[in-house]
Amino acid sequence: MPAPFDSNSILATVIIGPDGQVVTCHDGMAAYYTPEFKAALEKLVR
């Protein structure tokens, strides 16, 4: 697996921006339903 996708965690999230670059990686659970997370995703696609 390429480095950004190589995780030992069962729950792993990789966010890739419109330019194809990895924006962030997170292992484990997270609160993806928050207004802050939604705003970060919306900013990414602008």
C-alpha atoms as a PDB file:
ATOM      1  CA  MET A   1       0.000   0.000   0.000  1.00  0.00           C
ATOM      2  CA  PRO A   2       1.196   3.544  -0.660  1.00  0.00           C
ATOM      3  CA  ALA A   3       2.212   5.333   2.542  1.00  0.00           C
ATOM      4  CA  PRO A   4      -0.912   7.532   2.978  1.00  0.00           C
ATOM      5  CA  PHE A   5      -3.159   4.456   2.827  1.00  0.00           C
ATOM      6  CA  ASP A   6      -1.037   2.120   4.932  1.00  0.00           C
ATOM      7  CA  SER A   7      -2.816   1.905   8.280  1.00  0.00           C
ATOM      8  CA  ASN A   8      -3.042  -0.753  10.958  1.00  0.00           C
ATOM      9  CA  SER A   9      -6.318   0.731  12.152  1.00  0.00           C
ATOM     10  CA  ILE A  10      -9.638  -0.835  11.196  1.00  0.00           C
ATOM     11  CA  LEU A  11     -11.135   2.630  10.989  1.00  0.00           C
ATOM     12  CA  ALA A  12      -9.006   4.879   8.823  1.00  0.00           C
ATOM     13  CA  THR A  13      -9.971   7.963   6.840  1.00  0.00           C
ATOM     14  CA  VAL A  14      -7.913   9.592   4.117  1.00  0.00           C
ATOM     15  CA  ILE A  15      -9.172  12.853   2.621  1.00  0.00           C
ATOM     16  CA  ILE A  16      -7.884  13.647  -0.838  1.00  0.00           C
ATOM     17  CA  GLY A  17      -8.206  17.155  -2.246  1.00  0.00           C
ATOM     18  CA  PRO A  18      -9.339  18.085  -5.744  1.00  0.00           C
ATOM     19  CA  ASP A  19      -5.681  18.235  -6.815  1.00  0.00           C
ATOM     20  CA  GLY A  20      -5.203  14.561  -5.880  1.00  0.00           C
ATOM     21  CA  GLN A  21      -2.989  15.315  -2.880  1.00  0.00           C
ATOM     22  CA  VAL A  22      -3.658  13.817   0.553  1.00  0.00           C
ATOM     23  CA  VAL A  23      -5.109  16.552   2.765  1.00  0.00           C
ATOM     24  CA  THR A  24      -5.318  14.548   5.983  1.00  0.00           C
ATOM     25  CA  CYS A  25      -5.240  11.021   7.388  1.00  0.00           C
ATOM     26  CA  HIS A  26      -6.984   9.926  10.557  1.00  0.00           C
ATOM     27  CA  ASP A  27      -6.865   6.559  12.317  1.00  0.00           C
ATOM     28  CA  GLY A  28      -9.763   5.601  14.547  1.00  0.00           C
ATOM     29  CA  MET A  29     -13.180   7.070  15.160  1.00  0.00           C
ATOM     30  CA  ALA A  30     -13.920  10.753  14.689  1.00  0.00           C
ATOM     31  CA  ALA A  31     -16.913  13.079  14.745  1.00  0.00           C
ATOM     32  CA  TYR A  32     -17.355  13.694  11.032  1.00  0.00           C
ATOM     33  CA  TYR A  33     -20.830  15.150  11.511  1.00  0.00           C
ATOM     34  CA  THR A  34     -19.685  18.415  13.108  1.00  0.00           C
ATOM     35  CA  PRO A  35     -20.209  21.812  11.476  1.00  0.00           C
ATOM     36  CA  GLU A  36     -16.435  22.370  11.589  1.00  0.00           C
ATOM     37  CA  PHE A  37     -15.702  19.223   9.606  1.00  0.00           C
ATOM     38  CA  LYS A  38     -18.424  20.014   7.071  1.00  0.00           C
ATOM     39  CA  ALA A  39     -17.025  23.549   6.663  1.00  0.00           C
ATOM     40  CA  ALA A  40     -13.505  22.160   6.127  1.00  0.00           C
ATOM     41  CA  LEU A  41     -14.775  19.849   3.359  1.00  0.00           C
ATOM     42  CA  GLU A  42     -16.731  22.661   1.723  1.00  0.00           C
ATOM     43  CA  LYS A  43     -13.640  24.897   1.806  1.00  0.00           C
ATOM     44  CA  LEU A  44     -11.632  22.129   0.177  1.00  0.00           C
ATOM     45  CA  VAL A  45     -13.884  21.928  -2.886  1.00  0.00           C
ATOM     46  CA  ARG A  46     -14.001  25.680  -3.527  1.00  0.00           C
END
